[in-house]
Amino acid sequence: MNKMDSNLKPLADEYGEIKAILADLVVRQADIKKTFQEAGIHDLEGDIFRCVISHVDDSMGHDWKKIALSYKPSKRVLEHPANQKVTQRGHVRVNVYARTGETS
C-alpha cells in the first residue's frame, strides 16, 4: 500500500457509512410512502414541505411481450428466468415541494 492509499483509507470507511445511511433512509422513505398510500392521502401539508401523492397508471404502455413474440424468439429465450418476471402495473409517486409560506 502506498502513501496515497493510506491517506485515502478513511474515505473508504466514510463512503461505506454514507451508503449505509442512505440505505436506511430509502427503507424509511418506502415505509412513509406505504403509510400515505394505505391512508388514502392525496396531498399533505407539513410545516416545511408539502407532499402530493398520486397513483400513476402505466397500463397503457407498450405490450412488450406481444412485440417480442412477433420476432418469433426461441423456446429457450422465452423460458429464460429473466423473461418470466411479472411486473405490476402502476405505481405510487410522491412529489415533494418546499412550502413557500402560510396557507389558509
PDB file of N, CA and C in Angstrom:
ATOM      1  N   MET A   1       0.853  -1.175   0.000  1.00  0.00           N
ATOM      2  CA  MET A   1       0.000   0.000   0.000  1.00  0.00           C
ATOM      3  C   MET A   1       0.894   1.232   0.000  1.00  0.00           C
ATOM      4  N   ASN A   2       0.660   2.126  -0.924  1.00  0.00           N
ATOM      5  CA  ASN A   2       1.485   3.326  -0.973  1.00  0.00           C
ATOM      6  C   ASN A   2       0.886   4.406  -0.059  1.00  0.00           C
ATOM      7  N   LYS A   3       1.623   5.500   0.075  1.00  0.00           N
ATOM      8  CA  LYS A   3       1.216   6.577   0.983  1.00  0.00           C
ATOM      9  C   LYS A   3      -0.132   7.167   0.586  1.00  0.00           C
ATOM     10  N   MET A   4      -0.377   7.289  -0.718  1.00  0.00           N
ATOM     11  CA  MET A   4      -1.639   7.839  -1.206  1.00  0.00           C
ATOM     12  C   MET A   4      -2.814   6.973  -0.754  1.00  0.00           C
ATOM     13  N   ASP A   5      -2.655   5.639  -0.864  1.00  0.00           N
ATOM     14  CA  ASP A   5      -3.708   4.720  -0.454  1.00  0.00           C
ATOM     15  C   ASP A   5      -4.016   4.862   1.037  1.00  0.00           C
ATOM     16  N   SER A   6      -2.993   4.970   1.851  1.00  0.00           N
ATOM     17  CA  SER A   6      -3.216   5.063   3.298  1.00  0.00           C
ATOM     18  C   SER A   6      -3.878   6.391   3.670  1.00  0.00           C
ATOM     19  N   ASN A   7      -3.617   7.446   2.906  1.00  0.00           N
ATOM     20  CA  ASN A   7      -4.292   8.724   3.158  1.00  0.00           C
ATOM     21  C   ASN A   7      -5.771   8.667   2.806  1.00  0.00           C
ATOM     22  N   LEU A   8      -6.109   7.802   1.847  1.00  0.00           N
ATOM     23  CA  LEU A   8      -7.493   7.707   1.390  1.00  0.00           C
ATOM     24  C   LEU A   8      -8.297   6.648   2.134  1.00  0.00           C
ATOM     25  N   LYS A   9      -7.638   5.839   2.961  1.00  0.00           N
ATOM     26  CA  LYS A   9      -8.321   4.771   3.691  1.00  0.00           C
ATOM     27  C   LYS A   9      -9.538   5.254   4.468  1.00  0.00           C
ATOM     28  N   PRO A  10      -9.439   6.367   5.196  1.00  0.00           N
ATOM     29  CA  PRO A  10     -10.615   6.831   5.939  1.00  0.00           C
ATOM     30  C   PRO A  10     -11.803   7.165   5.028  1.00  0.00           C
ATOM     31  N   LEU A  11     -11.501   7.561   3.795  1.00  0.00           N
ATOM     32  CA  LEU A  11     -12.583   7.874   2.865  1.00  0.00           C
ATOM     33  C   LEU A  11     -13.367   6.628   2.482  1.00  0.00           C
ATOM     34  N   ALA A  12     -12.698   5.482   2.434  1.00  0.00           N
ATOM     35  CA  ALA A  12     -13.400   4.228   2.129  1.00  0.00           C
ATOM     36  C   ALA A  12     -14.423   3.932   3.217  1.00  0.00           C
ATOM     37  N   ASP A  13     -14.025   4.127   4.477  1.00  0.00           N
ATOM     38  CA  ASP A  13     -14.949   3.897   5.587  1.00  0.00           C
ATOM     39  C   ASP A  13     -16.086   4.915   5.578  1.00  0.00           C
ATOM     40  N   GLU A  14     -15.747   6.168   5.323  1.00  0.00           N
ATOM     41  CA  GLU A  14     -16.779   7.206   5.275  1.00  0.00           C
ATOM     42  C   GLU A  14     -17.776   6.925   4.154  1.00  0.00           C
ATOM     43  N   TYR A  15     -17.264   6.510   3.020  1.00  0.00           N
ATOM     44  CA  TYR A  15     -18.129   6.198   1.882  1.00  0.00           C
ATOM     45  C   TYR A  15     -19.082   5.058   2.245  1.00  0.00           C
ATOM     46  N   GLY A  16     -18.556   4.027   2.882  1.00  0.00           N
ATOM     47  CA  GLY A  16     -19.387   2.907   3.322  1.00  0.00           C
ATOM     48  C   GLY A  16     -20.451   3.332   4.306  1.00  0.00           C
ATOM     49  N   GLU A  17     -20.087   4.210   5.237  1.00  0.00           N
ATOM     50  CA  GLU A  17     -21.057   4.719   6.209  1.00  0.00           C
ATOM     51  C   GLU A  17     -22.164   5.513   5.520  1.00  0.00           C
ATOM     52  N   ILE A  18     -21.800   6.325   4.544  1.00  0.00           N
ATOM     53  CA  ILE A  18     -22.795   7.102   3.797  1.00  0.00           C
ATOM     54  C   ILE A  18     -23.753   6.168   3.068  1.00  0.00           C
ATOM     55  N   LYS A  19     -23.213   5.132   2.419  1.00  0.00           N
ATOM     56  CA  LYS A  19     -24.064   4.168   1.708  1.00  0.00           C
ATOM     57  C   LYS A  19     -25.042   3.487   2.677  1.00  0.00           C
ATOM     58  N   ALA A  20     -24.569   3.157   3.881  1.00  0.00           N
ATOM     59  CA  ALA A  20     -25.431   2.508   4.874  1.00  0.00           C
ATOM     60  C   ALA A  20     -26.535   3.454   5.338  1.00  0.00           C
ATOM     61  N   ILE A  21     -26.201   4.713   5.564  1.00  0.00           N
ATOM     62  CA  ILE A  21     -27.195   5.707   5.973  1.00  0.00           C
ATOM     63  C   ILE A  21     -28.234   5.896   4.876  1.00  0.00           C
ATOM     64  N   LEU A  22     -27.773   5.997   3.631  1.00  0.00           N
ATOM     65  CA  LEU A  22     -28.701   6.157   2.507  1.00  0.00           C
ATOM     66  C   LEU A  22     -29.638   4.953   2.385  1.00  0.00           C
ATOM     67  N   ALA A  23     -29.109   3.755   2.587  1.00  0.00           N
ATOM     68  CA  ALA A  23     -29.943   2.553   2.505  1.00  0.00           C
ATOM     69  C   ALA A  23     -31.032   2.590   3.569  1.00  0.00           C
ATOM     70  N   ASP A  24     -30.679   3.007   4.782  1.00  0.00           N
ATOM     71  CA  ASP A  24     -31.676   3.133   5.856  1.00  0.00           C
ATOM     72  C   ASP A  24     -32.728   4.176   5.504  1.00  0.00           C
ATOM     73  N   LEU A  25     -32.293   5.284   4.911  1.00  0.00           N
ATOM     74  CA  LEU A  25     -33.227   6.340   4.541  1.00  0.00           C
ATOM     75  C   LEU A  25     -34.178   5.894   3.438  1.00  0.00           C
ATOM     76  N   VAL A  26     -33.689   5.103   2.492  1.00  0.00           N
ATOM     77  CA  VAL A  26     -34.545   4.596   1.415  1.00  0.00           C
ATOM     78  C   VAL A  26     -35.627   3.681   1.990  1.00  0.00           C
ATOM     79  N   VAL A  27     -35.251   2.852   2.961  1.00  0.00           N
ATOM     80  CA  VAL A  27     -36.237   1.977   3.609  1.00  0.00           C
ATOM     81  C   VAL A  27     -37.269   2.819   4.350  1.00  0.00           C
ATOM     82  N   ARG A  28     -36.829   3.824   5.076  1.00  0.00           N
ATOM     83  CA  ARG A  28     -37.761   4.696   5.810  1.00  0.00           C
ATOM     84  C   ARG A  28     -38.684   5.437   4.847  1.00  0.00           C
ATOM     85  N   GLN A  29     -38.134   5.923   3.735  1.00  0.00           N
ATOM     86  CA  GLN A  29     -38.927   6.617   2.726  1.00  0.00           C
ATOM     87  C   GLN A  29     -40.011   5.689   2.170  1.00  0.00           C
ATOM     88  N   ALA A  30     -39.666   4.448   1.899  1.00  0.00           N
ATOM     89  CA  ALA A  30     -40.642   3.480   1.384  1.00  0.00           C
ATOM     90  C   ALA A  30     -41.740   3.219   2.419  1.00  0.00           C
ATOM     91  N   ASP A  31     -41.364   3.159   3.695  1.00  0.00           N
ATOM     92  CA  ASP A  31     -42.354   2.951   4.761  1.00  0.00           C
ATOM     93  C   ASP A  31     -43.342   4.120   4.831  1.00  0.00           C
ATOM     94  N   ILE A  32     -42.835   5.329   4.730  1.00  0.00           N
ATOM     95  CA  ILE A  32     -43.699   6.519   4.773  1.00  0.00           C
ATOM     96  C   ILE A  32     -44.618   6.543   3.558  1.00  0.00           C
ATOM     97  N   LYS A  33     -44.075   6.230   2.394  1.00  0.00           N
ATOM     98  CA  LYS A  33     -44.867   6.198   1.165  1.00  0.00           C
ATOM     99  C   LYS A  33     -46.004   5.184   1.292  1.00  0.00           C
ATOM    100  N   LYS A  34     -45.704   4.019   1.861  1.00  0.00           N
ATOM    101  CA  LYS A  34     -46.712   2.974   2.064  1.00  0.00           C
ATOM    102  C   LYS A  34     -47.788   3.460   3.032  1.00  0.00           C
ATOM    103  N   THR A  35     -47.382   4.180   4.074  1.00  0.00           N
ATOM    104  CA  THR A  35     -48.339   4.731   5.044  1.00  0.00           C
ATOM    105  C   THR A  35     -49.279   5.716   4.368  1.00  0.00           C
ATOM    106  N   PHE A  36     -48.720   6.611   3.540  1.00  0.00           N
ATOM    107  CA  PHE A  36     -49.558   7.549   2.781  1.00  0.00           C
ATOM    108  C   PHE A  36     -50.560   6.793   1.914  1.00  0.00           C
ATOM    109  N   GLN A  37     -50.060   5.772   1.220  1.00  0.00           N
ATOM    110  CA  GLN A  37     -50.900   5.009   0.301  1.00  0.00           C
ATOM    111  C   GLN A  37     -52.026   4.299   1.058  1.00  0.00           C
ATOM    112  N   GLU A  38     -51.691   3.644   2.162  1.00  0.00           N
ATOM    113  CA  GLU A  38     -52.693   2.916   2.936  1.00  0.00           C
ATOM    114  C   GLU A  38     -53.725   3.847   3.566  1.00  0.00           C
ATOM    115  N   ALA A  39     -53.314   5.076   3.885  1.00  0.00           N
ATOM    116  CA  ALA A  39     -54.227   6.044   4.491  1.00  0.00           C
ATOM    117  C   ALA A  39     -55.080   6.765   3.449  1.00  0.00           C
ATOM    118  N   GLY A  40     -54.765   6.550   2.178  1.00  0.00           N
ATOM    119  CA  GLY A  40     -55.530   7.208   1.116  1.00  0.00           C
ATOM    120  C   GLY A  40     -55.252   8.695   1.008  1.00  0.00           C
ATOM    121  N   ILE A  41     -54.077   9.108   1.445  1.00  0.00           N
ATOM    122  CA  ILE A  41     -53.689  10.522   1.402  1.00  0.00           C
ATOM    123  C   ILE A  41     -53.391  10.919  -0.046  1.00  0.00           C
ATOM    124  N   HIS A  42     -53.903  12.069  -0.463  1.00  0.00           N
ATOM    125  CA  HIS A  42     -53.613  12.576  -1.814  1.00  0.00           C
ATOM    126  C   HIS A  42     -52.663  13.760  -1.767  1.00  0.00           C
ATOM    127  N   ASP A  43     -52.790  14.566  -0.737  1.00  0.00           N
ATOM    128  CA  ASP A  43     -51.823  15.641  -0.512  1.00  0.00           C
ATOM    129  C   ASP A  43     -51.787  15.929   0.973  1.00  0.00           C
ATOM    130  N   LEU A  44     -50.632  16.375   1.425  1.00  0.00           N
ATOM    131  CA  LEU A  44     -50.432  16.582   2.853  1.00  0.00           C
ATOM    132  C   LEU A  44     -49.482  17.752   3.058  1.00  0.00           C
ATOM    133  N   GLU A  45     -49.916  18.703   3.882  1.00  0.00           N
ATOM    134  CA  GLU A  45     -49.101  19.879   4.201  1.00  0.00           C
ATOM    135  C   GLU A  45     -48.345  19.629   5.498  1.00  0.00           C
ATOM    136  N   GLY A  46     -47.039  19.670   5.429  1.00  0.00           N
ATOM    137  CA  GLY A  46     -46.232  19.635   6.638  1.00  0.00           C
ATOM    138  C   GLY A  46     -45.861  21.056   7.009  1.00  0.00           C
ATOM    139  N   ASP A  47     -45.026  21.209   8.017  1.00  0.00           N
ATOM    140  CA  ASP A  47     -44.578  22.549   8.395  1.00  0.00           C
ATOM    141  C   ASP A  47     -43.561  23.101   7.404  1.00  0.00           C
ATOM    142  N   ILE A  48     -42.803  22.212   6.778  1.00  0.00           N
ATOM    143  CA  ILE A  48     -41.737  22.642   5.871  1.00  0.00           C
ATOM    144  C   ILE A  48     -42.004  22.223   4.429  1.00  0.00           C
ATOM    145  N   PHE A  49     -42.579  21.045   4.252  1.00  0.00           N
ATOM    146  CA  PHE A  49     -42.798  20.504   2.918  1.00  0.00           C
ATOM    147  C   PHE A  49     -44.258  20.140   2.690  1.00  0.00           C
ATOM    148  N   ARG A  50     -44.626  20.086   1.432  1.00  0.00           N
ATOM    149  CA  ARG A  50     -45.940  19.632   1.006  1.00  0.00           C
ATOM    150  C   ARG A  50     -45.723  18.410   0.124  1.00  0.00           C
ATOM    151  N   CYS A  51     -46.464  17.344   0.386  1.00  0.00           N
ATOM    152  CA  CYS A  51     -46.366  16.120  -0.409  1.00  0.00           C
ATOM    153  C   CYS A  51     -47.643  15.927  -1.203  1.00  0.00           C
ATOM    154  N   VAL A  52     -47.489  15.597  -2.470  1.00  0.00           N
ATOM    155  CA  VAL A  52     -48.623  15.266  -3.329  1.00  0.00           C
ATOM    156  C   VAL A  52     -48.428  13.808  -3.747  1.00  0.00           C
ATOM    157  N   ILE A  53     -49.391  12.975  -3.377  1.00  0.00           N
ATOM    158  CA  ILE A  53     -49.301  11.547  -3.619  1.00  0.00           C
ATOM    159  C   ILE A  53     -50.244  11.190  -4.758  1.00  0.00           C
ATOM    160  N   SER A  54     -49.731  10.505  -5.772  1.00  0.00           N
ATOM    161  CA  SER A  54     -50.581  10.135  -6.902  1.00  0.00           C
ATOM    162  C   SER A  54     -50.278   8.711  -7.346  1.00  0.00           C
ATOM    163  N   HIS A  55     -51.317   8.053  -7.849  1.00  0.00           N
ATOM    164  CA  HIS A  55     -51.152   6.724  -8.412  1.00  0.00           C
ATOM    165  C   HIS A  55     -50.978   6.892  -9.918  1.00  0.00           C
ATOM    166  N   VAL A  56     -49.886   6.390 -10.428  1.00  0.00           N
ATOM    167  CA  VAL A  56     -49.590   6.509 -11.846  1.00  0.00           C
ATOM    168  C   VAL A  56     -49.962   5.188 -12.517  1.00  0.00           C
ATOM    169  N   ASP A  57     -50.910   5.261 -13.428  1.00  0.00           N
ATOM    170  CA  ASP A  57     -51.344   4.072 -14.152  1.00  0.00           C
ATOM    171  C   ASP A  57     -50.601   4.017 -15.473  1.00  0.00           C
ATOM    172  N   ASP A  58     -49.659   3.089 -15.549  1.00  0.00           N
ATOM    173  CA  ASP A  58     -48.886   2.962 -16.785  1.00  0.00           C
ATOM    174  C   ASP A  58     -49.342   1.749 -17.597  1.00  0.00           C
ATOM    175  N   SER A  59     -50.597   1.354 -17.408  1.00  0.00           N
ATOM    176  CA  SER A  59     -51.095   0.169 -18.106  1.00  0.00           C
ATOM    177  C   SER A  59     -51.307   0.420 -19.599  1.00  0.00           C
ATOM    178  N   MET A  60     -51.246   1.656 -20.021  1.00  0.00           N
ATOM    179  CA  MET A  60     -51.430   1.964 -21.435  1.00  0.00           C
ATOM    180  C   MET A  60     -50.099   1.927 -22.198  1.00  0.00           C
ATOM    181  N   GLY A  61     -49.067   1.418 -21.547  1.00  0.00           N
ATOM    182  CA  GLY A  61     -47.759   1.352 -22.192  1.00  0.00           C
ATOM    183  C   GLY A  61     -47.721   0.293 -23.276  1.00  0.00           C
ATOM    184  N   HIS A  62     -46.555   0.074 -23.828  1.00  0.00           N
ATOM    185  CA  HIS A  62     -46.379  -0.899 -24.897  1.00  0.00           C
ATOM    186  C   HIS A  62     -46.543  -2.318 -24.368  1.00  0.00           C
ATOM    187  N   ASP A  63     -47.083  -3.184 -25.162  1.00  0.00           N
ATOM    188  CA  ASP A  63     -47.175  -4.597 -24.831  1.00  0.00           C
ATOM    189  C   ASP A  63     -45.890  -5.257 -25.327  1.00  0.00           C
ATOM    190  N   TRP A  64     -44.853  -5.221 -24.472  1.00  0.00           N
ATOM    191  CA  TRP A  64     -43.531  -5.694 -24.879  1.00  0.00           C
ATOM    192  C   TRP A  64     -43.528  -7.176 -25.196  1.00  0.00           C
ATOM    193  N   LYS A  65     -44.341  -7.950 -24.463  1.00  0.00           N
ATOM    194  CA  LYS A  65     -44.379  -9.390 -24.737  1.00  0.00           C
ATOM    195  C   LYS A  65     -44.908  -9.647 -26.151  1.00  0.00           C
ATOM    196  N   LYS A  66     -45.962  -8.944 -26.534  1.00  0.00           N
ATOM    197  CA  LYS A  66     -46.536  -9.109 -27.867  1.00  0.00           C
ATOM    198  C   LYS A  66     -45.508  -8.710 -28.935  1.00  0.00           C
ATOM    199  N   ILE A  67     -44.798  -7.623 -28.690  1.00  0.00           N
ATOM    200  CA  ILE A  67     -43.777  -7.165 -29.639  1.00  0.00           C
ATOM    201  C   ILE A  67     -42.670  -8.208 -29.754  1.00  0.00           C
ATOM    202  N   ALA A  68     -42.220  -8.734 -28.611  1.00  0.00           N
ATOM    203  CA  ALA A  68     -41.146  -9.732 -28.626  1.00  0.00           C
ATOM    204  C   ALA A  68     -41.581 -10.998 -29.353  1.00  0.00           C
ATOM    205  N   LEU A  69     -42.815 -11.427 -29.123  1.00  0.00           N
ATOM    206  CA  LEU A  69     -43.307 -12.642 -29.777  1.00  0.00           C
ATOM    207  C   LEU A  69     -43.396 -12.477 -31.292  1.00  0.00           C
ATOM    208  N   SER A  70     -43.567 -11.257 -31.755  1.00  0.00           N
ATOM    209  CA  SER A  70     -43.639 -11.035 -33.199  1.00  0.00           C
ATOM    210  C   SER A  70     -42.307 -11.348 -33.891  1.00  0.00           C
ATOM    211  N   TYR A  71     -41.211 -11.391 -33.109  1.00  0.00           N
ATOM    212  CA  TYR A  71     -39.901 -11.725 -33.657  1.00  0.00           C
ATOM    213  C   TYR A  71     -39.626 -13.225 -33.609  1.00  0.00           C
ATOM    214  N   LYS A  72     -40.610 -13.993 -33.128  1.00  0.00           N
ATOM    215  CA  LYS A  72     -40.512 -15.458 -33.052  1.00  0.00           C
ATOM    216  C   LYS A  72     -39.242 -15.912 -32.316  1.00  0.00           C
ATOM    217  N   PRO A  73     -39.120 -15.555 -31.021  1.00  0.00           N
ATOM    218  CA  PRO A  73     -37.931 -15.964 -30.265  1.00  0.00           C
ATOM    219  C   PRO A  73     -37.950 -17.474 -29.999  1.00  0.00           C
ATOM    220  N   SER A  74     -36.775 -18.006 -29.707  1.00  0.00           N
ATOM    221  CA  SER A  74     -36.669 -19.443 -29.432  1.00  0.00           C
ATOM    222  C   SER A  74     -37.327 -19.765 -28.086  1.00  0.00           C
ATOM    223  N   LYS A  75     -37.641 -21.050 -27.903  1.00  0.00           N
ATOM    224  CA  LYS A  75     -38.256 -21.504 -26.649  1.00  0.00           C
ATOM    225  C   LYS A  75     -37.319 -21.212 -25.477  1.00  0.00           C
ATOM    226  N   ARG A  76     -36.003 -21.363 -25.714  1.00  0.00           N
ATOM    227  CA  ARG A  76     -35.011 -21.113 -24.669  1.00  0.00           C
ATOM    228  C   ARG A  76     -35.082 -19.663 -24.189  1.00  0.00           C
ATOM    229  N   VAL A  77     -35.228 -18.750 -25.110  1.00  0.00           N
ATOM    230  CA  VAL A  77     -35.323 -17.330 -24.743  1.00  0.00           C
ATOM    231  C   VAL A  77     -36.603 -17.085 -23.944  1.00  0.00           C
ATOM    232  N   LEU A  78     -37.702 -17.665 -24.391  1.00  0.00           N
ATOM    233  CA  LEU A  78     -38.979 -17.454 -23.709  1.00  0.00           C
ATOM    234  C   LEU A  78     -38.980 -18.032 -22.295  1.00  0.00           C
ATOM    235  N   GLU A  79     -38.261 -19.135 -22.090  1.00  0.00           N
ATOM    236  CA  GLU A  79     -38.263 -19.797 -20.788  1.00  0.00           C
ATOM    237  C   GLU A  79     -37.173 -19.284 -19.860  1.00  0.00           C
ATOM    238  N   HIS A  80     -36.329 -18.397 -20.341  1.00  0.00           N
ATOM    239  CA  HIS A  80     -35.256 -17.854 -19.501  1.00  0.00           C
ATOM    240  C   HIS A  80     -35.882 -17.135 -18.304  1.00  0.00           C
ATOM    241  N   PRO A  81     -35.354 -17.350 -17.072  1.00  0.00           N
ATOM    242  CA  PRO A  81     -35.939 -16.738 -15.867  1.00  0.00           C
ATOM    243  C   PRO A  81     -36.100 -15.216 -15.950  1.00  0.00           C
ATOM    244  N   ALA A  82     -35.186 -14.551 -16.613  1.00  0.00           N
ATOM    245  CA  ALA A  82     -35.276 -13.087 -16.717  1.00  0.00           C
ATOM    246  C   ALA A  82     -36.515 -12.657 -17.497  1.00  0.00           C
ATOM    247  N   ASN A  83     -37.013 -13.537 -18.356  1.00  0.00           N
ATOM    248  CA  ASN A  83     -38.184 -13.205 -19.155  1.00  0.00           C
ATOM    249  C   ASN A  83     -39.495 -13.650 -18.502  1.00  0.00           C
ATOM    250  N   GLN A  84     -39.407 -14.190 -17.291  1.00  0.00           N
ATOM    251  CA  GLN A  84     -40.590 -14.679 -16.601  1.00  0.00           C
ATOM    252  C   GLN A  84     -41.080 -13.703 -15.522  1.00  0.00           C
ATOM    253  N   LYS A  85     -40.422 -12.563 -15.418  1.00  0.00           N
ATOM    254  CA  LYS A  85     -40.796 -11.582 -14.395  1.00  0.00           C
ATOM    255  C   LYS A  85     -42.213 -11.070 -14.639  1.00  0.00           C
ATOM    256  N   VAL A  86     -42.945 -10.930 -13.545  1.00  0.00           N
ATOM    257  CA  VAL A  86     -44.275 -10.345 -13.631  1.00  0.00           C
ATOM    258  C   VAL A  86     -44.150  -8.926 -13.106  1.00  0.00           C
ATOM    259  N   THR A  87     -44.501  -7.966 -13.916  1.00  0.00           N
ATOM    260  CA  THR A  87     -44.403  -6.576 -13.477  1.00  0.00           C
ATOM    261  C   THR A  87     -45.772  -6.073 -13.067  1.00  0.00           C
ATOM    262  N   GLN A  88     -45.781  -5.303 -12.024  1.00  0.00           N
ATOM    263  CA  GLN A  88     -47.022  -4.735 -11.523  1.00  0.00           C
ATOM    264  C   GLN A  88     -47.315  -3.460 -12.299  1.00  0.00           C
ATOM    265  N   ARG A  89     -48.547  -3.340 -12.727  1.00  0.00           N
ATOM    266  CA  ARG A  89     -48.942  -2.142 -13.464  1.00  0.00           C
ATOM    267  C   ARG A  89     -49.242  -1.026 -12.481  1.00  0.00           C
ATOM    268  N   GLY A  90     -48.739   0.131 -12.801  1.00  0.00           N
ATOM    269  CA  GLY A  90     -48.984   1.309 -11.980  1.00  0.00           C
ATOM    270  C   GLY A  90     -48.029   1.382 -10.795  1.00  0.00           C
ATOM    271  N   HIS A  91     -47.872   2.567 -10.292  1.00  0.00           N
ATOM    272  CA  HIS A  91     -47.056   2.775  -9.108  1.00  0.00           C
ATOM    273  C   HIS A  91     -47.495   4.063  -8.421  1.00  0.00           C
ATOM    274  N   VAL A  92     -47.058   4.227  -7.193  1.00  0.00           N
ATOM    275  CA  VAL A  92     -47.391   5.421  -6.432  1.00  0.00           C
ATOM    276  C   VAL A  92     -46.202   6.371  -6.499  1.00  0.00           C
ATOM    277  N   ARG A  93     -46.502   7.626  -6.779  1.00  0.00           N
ATOM    278  CA  ARG A  93     -45.456   8.642  -6.848  1.00  0.00           C
ATOM    279  C   ARG A  93     -45.746   9.689  -5.779  1.00  0.00           C
ATOM    280  N   VAL A  94     -44.698  10.109  -5.077  1.00  0.00           N
ATOM    281  CA  VAL A  94     -44.823  11.178  -4.093  1.00  0.00           C
ATOM    282  C   VAL A  94     -43.934  12.317  -4.558  1.00  0.00           C
ATOM    283  N   ASN A  95     -44.559  13.444  -4.879  1.00  0.00           N
ATOM    284  CA  ASN A  95     -43.809  14.654  -5.223  1.00  0.00           C
ATOM    285  C   ASN A  95     -43.744  15.525  -3.978  1.00  0.00           C
ATOM    286  N   VAL A  96     -42.581  16.091  -3.726  1.00  0.00           N
ATOM    287  CA  VAL A  96     -42.372  16.904  -2.531  1.00  0.00           C
ATOM    288  C   VAL A  96     -42.008  18.319  -2.954  1.00  0.00           C
ATOM    289  N   TYR A  97     -42.686  19.279  -2.327  1.00  0.00           N
ATOM    290  CA  TYR A  97     -42.452  20.693  -2.630  1.00  0.00           C
ATOM    291  C   TYR A  97     -42.160  21.435  -1.338  1.00  0.00           C
ATOM    292  N   ALA A  98     -41.206  22.344  -1.403  1.00  0.00           N
ATOM    293  CA  ALA A  98     -40.936  23.202  -0.249  1.00  0.00           C
ATOM    294  C   ALA A  98     -42.080  24.185  -0.103  1.00  0.00           C
ATOM    295  N   ARG A  99     -42.531  24.365   1.118  1.00  0.00           N
ATOM    296  CA  ARG A  99     -43.585  25.341   1.341  1.00  0.00           C
ATOM    297  C   ARG A  99     -43.001  26.732   1.217  1.00  0.00           C
ATOM    298  N   THR A 100     -43.783  27.624   0.667  1.00  0.00           N
ATOM    299  CA  THR A 100     -43.278  28.989   0.441  1.00  0.00           C
ATOM    300  C   THR A 100     -43.913  29.997   1.399  1.00  0.00           C
ATOM    301  N   GLY A 101     -44.827  29.564   2.208  1.00  0.00           N
ATOM    302  CA  GLY A 101     -45.461  30.479   3.150  1.00  0.00           C
ATOM    303  C   GLY A 101     -46.697  29.853   3.758  1.00  0.00           C
ATOM    304  N   GLU A 102     -47.382  30.621   4.523  1.00  0.00           N
ATOM    305  CA  GLU A 102     -48.590  30.136   5.195  1.00  0.00           C
ATOM    306  C   GLU A 102     -49.704  29.904   4.191  1.00  0.00           C
ATOM    307  N   THR A 103     -50.470  28.842   4.455  1.00  0.00           N
ATOM    308  CA  THR A 103     -51.661  28.580   3.653  1.00  0.00           C
ATOM    309  C   THR A 103     -52.873  28.729   4.554  1.00  0.00           C
ATOM    310  N   SER A 104     -53.973  29.042   3.959  1.00  0.00           N
ATOM    311  CA  SER A 104     -55.176  29.233   4.782  1.00  0.00           C
ATOM    312  C   SER A 104     -55.951  27.960   4.937  1.00  0.00           C
TER     313      SER A 104
END
